[in-house]
Amino acid sequence: MTGPESEGSQVRRAVCPGSFDPITNGHLDIIARASRLYDEVYVAVMINKSKKGLFEIDERIDLIHQVTAEYGNVRVEAFHGLLVDFCKQRDIPAIVKGLRAVSDFDYELQMAQMNNGLTGVETLFVPTNPTYSFLSSSLVKEVAQWGGDVSHLVPPQVLTALAERLRGD
């Protein structure tokens, strides 16, 4: 056998966590970049029972599958609880997070240090492409709800799903 799973080599895994409600071009950029650096990239879709999302978990997972289909090494799963437990169960040593601004760094650094202290999982920060430095799912939903054009902020499948959801289809 040859390749990443051949004798003596280890499969390099990472996770890109988030709520992805909905997935944006900024998220997709980070996932794509991680998929070039790792053998397997898990997209972990956070389940937050106390927060009602625009899209149900299964819908988010389906949209992420659609927009990451070209990357053969991306897996999509839902999770609840601690991300480090998700990582431990799947032998994932690294979390990949995009940073939009310095303000993201303060919170994410604390989270990274806590995760490392709990289980030794490392966090890699990837600077967001400047094109997406302002982008968030919340902002996309708000602009779309008021009829603004978000076609340049989300993949086409997400744009269609957003339009249908906001129309009440």
Protein backbone atom coordinates (compact mmCIF):
# COMPACT_ATOMS: atom_id res chain seq x y z
CA MET A 1 0.00 0.00 0.00
CA THR A 2 1.23 3.48 -0.77
CA GLY A 3 0.07 6.92 0.24
CA PRO A 4 -0.81 8.39 3.61
CA GLU A 5 -2.01 5.09 5.08
CA SER A 6 1.02 3.03 4.10
CA GLU A 7 3.09 1.26 6.70
CA GLY A 8 4.97 3.60 8.99
CA SER A 9 3.01 6.72 8.11
CA GLN A 10 0.15 8.25 9.98
CA VAL A 11 -2.94 9.88 8.53
CA ARG A 12 -2.86 13.59 9.30
CA ARG A 13 -6.27 14.74 10.52
CA ALA A 14 -7.70 18.12 11.44
CA VAL A 15 -11.11 19.52 12.29
CA CYS A 16 -12.78 22.77 11.24
CA PRO A 17 -15.54 23.41 13.80
CA GLY A 18 -18.45 25.82 13.66
CA SER A 19 -22.19 26.27 13.54
CA PHE A 20 -22.18 26.91 9.76
CA ASP A 21 -25.68 28.43 9.81
CA PRO A 22 -25.19 28.79 6.87
CA ILE A 23 -21.74 27.96 5.52
CA THR A 24 -20.18 31.00 3.83
CA ASN A 25 -17.41 31.49 1.28
CA GLY A 26 -15.17 32.43 4.21
CA HIS A 27 -15.78 29.07 5.89
CA LEU A 28 -15.28 27.30 2.59
CA ASP A 29 -11.96 29.07 2.05
CA ILE A 30 -10.63 27.83 5.41
CA ILE A 31 -11.90 24.27 4.78
CA ALA A 32 -10.33 24.23 1.29
CA ARG A 33 -7.00 25.42 2.64
CA ALA A 34 -7.08 22.86 5.46
CA SER A 35 -7.90 20.12 2.94
CA ARG A 36 -4.64 20.88 1.12
CA LEU A 37 -2.63 20.62 4.36
CA TYR A 38 -4.20 17.49 5.89
CA ASP A 39 -5.06 14.00 4.69
CA GLU A 40 -8.51 14.15 6.33
CA VAL A 41 -10.47 17.23 7.36
CA TYR A 42 -13.55 16.89 9.51
CA VAL A 43 -16.08 19.69 9.39
CA ALA A 44 -17.69 19.50 12.83
CA VAL A 45 -21.12 21.11 12.85
CA MET A 46 -21.94 22.25 16.36
CA ILE A 47 -25.33 21.38 17.81
CA ASN A 48 -26.50 24.07 20.20
CA LYS A 49 -29.89 23.02 21.56
CA SER A 50 -30.39 26.38 23.27
CA LYS A 51 -30.09 28.30 20.00
CA LYS A 52 -32.57 28.03 17.13
CA GLY A 53 -30.75 28.22 13.83
CA LEU A 54 -32.11 29.24 10.46
CA PHE A 55 -31.22 25.79 9.14
CA GLU A 56 -31.60 22.47 10.95
CA ILE A 57 -28.43 20.47 11.60
CA ASP A 58 -29.23 17.95 8.83
CA GLU A 59 -29.75 20.79 6.34
CA ARG A 60 -26.42 22.37 7.28
CA ILE A 61 -24.64 19.05 6.93
CA ASP A 62 -26.24 18.48 3.52
CA LEU A 63 -25.23 21.96 2.30
CA ILE A 64 -21.66 21.46 3.54
CA HIS A 65 -21.50 18.08 1.77
CA GLN A 66 -22.63 19.75 -1.45
CA VAL A 67 -20.15 22.62 -1.33
CA THR A 68 -17.18 20.48 -0.26
CA ALA A 69 -17.84 17.60 -2.67
CA GLU A 70 -14.82 18.52 -4.81
CA TYR A 71 -12.51 17.84 -1.86
CA GLY A 72 -12.23 14.09 -1.52
CA ASN A 73 -10.77 14.29 1.98
CA VAL A 74 -13.51 16.28 3.77
CA ARG A 75 -15.94 14.57 6.16
CA VAL A 76 -18.91 16.32 7.73
CA GLU A 77 -20.38 15.36 11.10
CA ALA A 78 -22.54 16.95 13.78
CA PHE A 79 -21.28 17.22 17.34
CA HIS A 80 -22.37 18.47 20.71
CA GLY A 81 -20.37 18.81 23.86
CA LEU A 82 -16.65 19.48 23.96
CA LEU A 83 -14.78 19.73 20.67
CA VAL A 84 -11.77 18.04 22.29
CA ASP A 85 -13.93 14.96 22.94
CA PHE A 86 -14.91 14.92 19.26
CA CYS A 87 -11.19 15.11 18.44
CA LYS A 88 -10.20 12.39 20.89
CA GLN A 89 -12.86 9.97 19.56
CA ARG A 90 -11.55 10.39 16.00
CA ASP A 91 -7.82 10.67 16.72
CA ILE A 92 -7.71 14.28 15.47
CA PRO A 93 -4.70 16.19 16.86
CA ALA A 94 -5.42 19.60 15.31
CA ILE A 95 -8.17 22.21 15.14
CA VAL A 96 -8.02 24.68 12.24
CA LYS A 97 -9.65 28.04 12.86
CA GLY A 98 -9.88 31.09 10.64
CA LEU A 99 -9.13 34.46 12.17
CA ARG A 100 -10.85 37.49 10.67
CA ALA A 101 -9.44 40.16 12.95
CA VAL A 102 -7.36 40.75 16.06
CA SER A 103 -10.60 40.76 18.06
CA ASP A 104 -11.14 37.08 17.09
CA PHE A 105 -7.68 36.22 18.37
CA ASP A 106 -8.32 37.12 22.03
CA TYR A 107 -11.21 34.67 22.38
CA GLU A 108 -9.72 31.98 20.13
CA LEU A 109 -6.37 32.02 21.94
CA GLN A 110 -8.09 31.34 25.26
CA MET A 111 -10.08 28.52 23.68
CA ALA A 112 -6.93 27.06 22.07
CA GLN A 113 -5.06 27.13 25.38
CA MET A 114 -7.98 25.46 27.17
CA ASN A 115 -8.28 22.75 24.50
CA ASN A 116 -4.55 22.08 24.61
CA GLY A 117 -4.58 21.95 28.40
CA LEU A 118 -7.50 19.50 28.43
CA THR A 119 -6.23 16.98 25.88
CA GLY A 120 -3.16 18.27 24.07
CA VAL A 121 -5.08 19.10 20.89
CA GLU A 122 -3.30 21.85 18.96
CA THR A 123 -5.06 24.80 17.31
CA LEU A 124 -3.77 26.26 14.07
CA PHE A 125 -4.90 29.76 13.21
CA VAL A 126 -5.28 30.58 9.54
CA PRO A 127 -5.65 34.22 8.58
CA THR A 128 -8.85 34.73 6.65
CA ASN A 129 -8.59 35.80 3.05
CA PRO A 130 -9.02 39.61 3.17
CA THR A 131 -11.98 39.27 0.80
CA TYR A 132 -13.89 37.56 3.64
CA SER A 133 -12.50 39.45 6.64
CA PHE A 134 -15.91 40.96 7.50
CA LEU A 135 -17.98 37.87 6.75
CA SER A 136 -20.06 35.92 9.25
CA SER A 137 -23.10 33.67 8.98
CA SER A 138 -25.05 36.11 11.17
CA LEU A 139 -24.29 38.97 8.83
CA VAL A 140 -25.26 36.92 5.77
CA LYS A 141 -28.60 35.98 7.36
CA GLU A 142 -29.34 39.56 8.37
CA VAL A 143 -28.54 41.02 4.95
CA ALA A 144 -30.50 38.25 3.18
CA GLN A 145 -33.53 38.75 5.45
CA TRP A 146 -33.66 42.40 4.38
CA GLY A 147 -33.41 41.46 0.70
CA GLY A 148 -29.74 42.34 0.26
CA ASP A 149 -27.58 40.58 -2.30
CA VAL A 150 -25.41 37.93 -0.64
CA SER A 151 -24.61 36.01 -3.83
CA HIS A 152 -20.90 36.87 -3.56
CA LEU A 153 -20.75 35.73 0.09
CA VAL A 154 -22.10 32.18 -0.09
CA PRO A 155 -21.87 29.25 -2.52
CA PRO A 156 -24.74 29.01 -5.05
CA GLN A 157 -26.37 26.04 -3.26
CA VAL A 158 -26.50 28.06 -0.05
CA LEU A 159 -27.90 31.10 -1.86
CA THR A 160 -30.74 28.94 -3.20
CA ALA A 161 -31.42 27.40 0.22
CA LEU A 162 -31.38 30.84 1.87
CA ALA A 163 -33.84 32.26 -0.66
CA GLU A 164 -36.18 29.29 -0.20
CA ARG A 165 -36.00 29.45 3.60
CA LEU A 166 -36.58 33.19 3.75
CA ARG A 167 -39.55 32.90 1.35
CA GLY A 168 -40.97 30.22 3.63
CA ASP A 169 -40.72 27.36 1.10
